[in-house]
C-alpha atoms as a PDB file:
ATOM      1  CA  MET A   1      65.103 294.665 244.026  1.00  0.00           C
ATOM      2  CA  ASN A   2      63.734 297.703 246.048  1.00  0.00           C
ATOM      3  CA  SER A   3      66.373 298.745 248.998  1.00  0.00           C
ATOM      4  CA  GLU A   4      63.862 298.288 251.557  1.00  0.00           C
ATOM      5  CA  PHE A   5      64.134 294.257 250.545  1.00  0.00           C
ATOM      6  CA  SER A   6      67.788 294.616 250.420  1.00  0.00           C
ATOM      7  CA  THR A   7      68.222 296.170 253.694  1.00  0.00           C
ATOM      8  CA  MET A   8      65.891 293.726 255.165  1.00  0.00           C
ATOM      9  CA  SER A   9      67.553 290.394 253.359  1.00  0.00           C
ATOM     10  CA  ARG A  10      71.102 292.036 254.741  1.00  0.00           C
ATOM     11  CA  THR A  11      69.933 292.466 258.165  1.00  0.00           C
ATOM     12  CA  VAL A  12      68.408 288.769 258.134  1.00  0.00           C
ATOM     13  CA  ARG A  13      71.673 287.438 256.902  1.00  0.00           C
ATOM     14  CA  ASP A  14      73.637 288.573 259.464  1.00  0.00           C
ATOM     15  CA  GLN A  15      71.418 287.731 262.116  1.00  0.00           C
ATOM     16  CA  ILE A  16      71.722 284.085 260.240  1.00  0.00           C
ATOM     17  CA  LEU A  17      75.253 284.404 260.205  1.00  0.00           C
ATOM     18  CA  SER A  18      75.519 285.305 263.944  1.00  0.00           C
ATOM     19  CA  ARG A  19      73.696 282.306 265.198  1.00  0.00           C
ATOM     20  CA  LEU A  20      75.623 280.284 263.164  1.00  0.00           C
ATOM     21  CA  ALA A  21      78.505 281.492 264.868  1.00  0.00           C
ATOM     22  CA  GLY A  22      77.240 279.945 267.885  1.00  0.00           C
ATOM     23  CA  ILE A  23      77.531 276.461 266.419  1.00  0.00           C
ATOM     24  CA  ARG A  24      80.644 274.315 266.871  1.00  0.00           C
ATOM     25  CA  ASP A  25      82.075 272.376 263.965  1.00  0.00           C
ATOM     26  CA  PRO A  26      83.063 269.017 265.522  1.00  0.00           C
ATOM     27  CA  GLU A  27      85.532 268.061 262.676  1.00  0.00           C
ATOM     28  CA  ARG A  28      87.349 271.438 262.498  1.00  0.00           C
ATOM     29  CA  GLY A  29      87.197 272.398 266.307  1.00  0.00           C
ATOM     30  CA  ARG A  30      85.894 276.275 265.814  1.00  0.00           C
ATOM     31  CA  ASP A  31      82.401 277.583 264.891  1.00  0.00           C
ATOM     32  CA  VAL A  32      80.970 276.626 261.496  1.00  0.00           C
ATOM     33  CA  VAL A  33      81.150 280.352 260.664  1.00  0.00           C
ATOM     34  CA  ALA A  34      85.014 281.034 261.232  1.00  0.00           C
ATOM     35  CA  SER A  35      85.445 277.349 260.103  1.00  0.00           C
ATOM     36  CA  GLY A  36      84.894 278.004 256.578  1.00  0.00           C
ATOM     37  CA  ARG A  37      81.816 275.300 256.488  1.00  0.00           C
ATOM     38  CA  ILE A  38      79.346 277.640 255.525  1.00  0.00           C
ATOM     39  CA  SER A  39      80.342 278.249 251.453  1.00  0.00           C
ATOM     40  CA  GLY A  40      76.832 280.516 250.695  1.00  0.00           C
ATOM     41  CA  LEU A  41      73.869 281.846 252.212  1.00  0.00           C
ATOM     42  CA  THR A  42      71.079 283.910 250.714  1.00  0.00           C
ATOM     43  CA  VAL A  43      67.870 285.170 251.744  1.00  0.00           C
ATOM     44  CA  ASP A  44      64.945 285.891 249.095  1.00  0.00           C
ATOM     45  CA  GLU A  45      62.298 288.649 249.759  1.00  0.00           C
ATOM     46  CA  ALA A  46      60.128 285.702 250.837  1.00  0.00           C
ATOM     47  CA  GLY A  47      62.203 285.099 254.079  1.00  0.00           C
ATOM     48  CA  ILE A  48      63.665 281.694 252.384  1.00  0.00           C
ATOM     49  CA  ALA A  49      67.177 281.177 253.657  1.00  0.00           C
ATOM     50  CA  ARG A  50      69.559 278.645 251.271  1.00  0.00           C
ATOM     51  CA  ILE A  51      72.487 277.760 253.168  1.00  0.00           C
ATOM     52  CA  MET A  52      75.517 275.715 251.774  1.00  0.00           C
ATOM     53  CA  VAL A  53      77.630 273.891 253.844  1.00  0.00           C
ATOM     54  CA  GLU A  54      80.815 272.223 253.190  1.00  0.00           C
ATOM     55  CA  THR A  55      81.694 268.567 253.386  1.00  0.00           C
ATOM     56  CA  THR A  56      83.923 265.935 251.891  1.00  0.00           C
ATOM     57  CA  PRO A  57      82.221 262.735 249.812  1.00  0.00           C
ATOM     58  CA  ASP A  58      83.489 260.544 252.481  1.00  0.00           C
ATOM     59  CA  ARG A  59      81.609 262.577 255.403  1.00  0.00           C
ATOM     60  CA  ALA A  60      78.554 263.631 254.291  1.00  0.00           C
ATOM     61  CA  ALA A  61      76.705 261.187 256.202  1.00  0.00           C
ATOM     62  CA  ALA A  62      78.348 262.514 259.260  1.00  0.00           C
ATOM     63  CA  THR A  63      77.891 265.894 258.457  1.00  0.00           C
ATOM     64  CA  GLU A  64      73.935 265.540 257.931  1.00  0.00           C
ATOM     65  CA  PRO A  65      73.139 266.093 262.121  1.00  0.00           C
ATOM     66  CA  LEU A  66      75.672 269.392 261.788  1.00  0.00           C
ATOM     67  CA  ARG A  67      73.289 270.413 258.834  1.00  0.00           C
ATOM     68  CA  ARG A  68      69.981 270.242 260.744  1.00  0.00           C
ATOM     69  CA  GLU A  69      71.458 271.821 263.722  1.00  0.00           C
ATOM     70  CA  ILE A  70      72.451 274.749 260.853  1.00  0.00           C
ATOM     71  CA  GLU A  71      68.974 274.354 259.629  1.00  0.00           C
ATOM     72  CA  GLN A  72      67.314 274.587 263.028  1.00  0.00           C
ATOM     73  CA  ALA A  73      69.236 277.552 264.202  1.00  0.00           C
ATOM     74  CA  ALA A  74      68.690 279.262 260.791  1.00  0.00           C
ATOM     75  CA  ALA A  75      64.781 278.933 261.400  1.00  0.00           C
ATOM     76  CA  GLY A  76      65.051 280.376 264.432  1.00  0.00           C
ATOM     77  CA  VAL A  77      65.592 284.265 263.073  1.00  0.00           C
ATOM     78  CA  ALA A  78      62.488 286.695 262.929  1.00  0.00           C
ATOM     79  CA  GLY A  79      62.008 286.848 259.041  1.00  0.00           C
ATOM     80  CA  VAL A  80      62.780 283.671 257.889  1.00  0.00           C
ATOM     81  CA  THR A  81      59.722 281.719 256.800  1.00  0.00           C
ATOM     82  CA  ARG A  82      61.760 278.505 255.392  1.00  0.00           C
ATOM     83  CA  VAL A  83      65.018 277.164 255.420  1.00  0.00           C
ATOM     84  CA  ALA A  84      67.220 274.798 252.703  1.00  0.00           C
ATOM     85  CA  ALA A  85      70.346 273.923 254.261  1.00  0.00           C
ATOM     86  CA  VAL A  86      72.391 271.446 251.658  1.00  0.00           C
ATOM     87  CA  LEU A  87      75.777 269.822 252.009  1.00  0.00           C
ATOM     88  CA  THR A  88      77.760 270.317 248.929  1.00  0.00           C
ATOM     89  CA  ALA A  89      81.120 268.202 248.600  1.00  0.00           C
ATOM     90  CA  GLU A  90      83.629 267.908 245.926  1.00  0.00           C
ATOM     91  CA  ARG A  91      85.851 265.200 244.786  1.00  0.00           C
ATOM     92  CA  THR A  92      89.165 265.505 244.894  1.00  0.00           C
ATOM     93  CA  PRO A  93      90.792 264.690 241.413  1.00  0.00           C
ATOM     94  CA  GLY A  94      92.517 261.357 241.212  1.00  0.00           C
END
């Protein structure tokens, strides 16, 4: 990986996080970044952003509109060519 891409990738990633910080998490009462809802974010050299959005198995369907909002916000960042925001849910043991 060249350092120019690395710097660009970090800048795009930071811009995405800044946009996501403007989205309120209705379940947690804070923005989606501060609430820990975003569990992963990568941007590759083609400008494809991959975002992991935490939820619980029983709340996955209810979290879908938030996932779409996150995806749309990230798509508006310069340098992003495509966004894949996916819900991730871990089942609790028991």
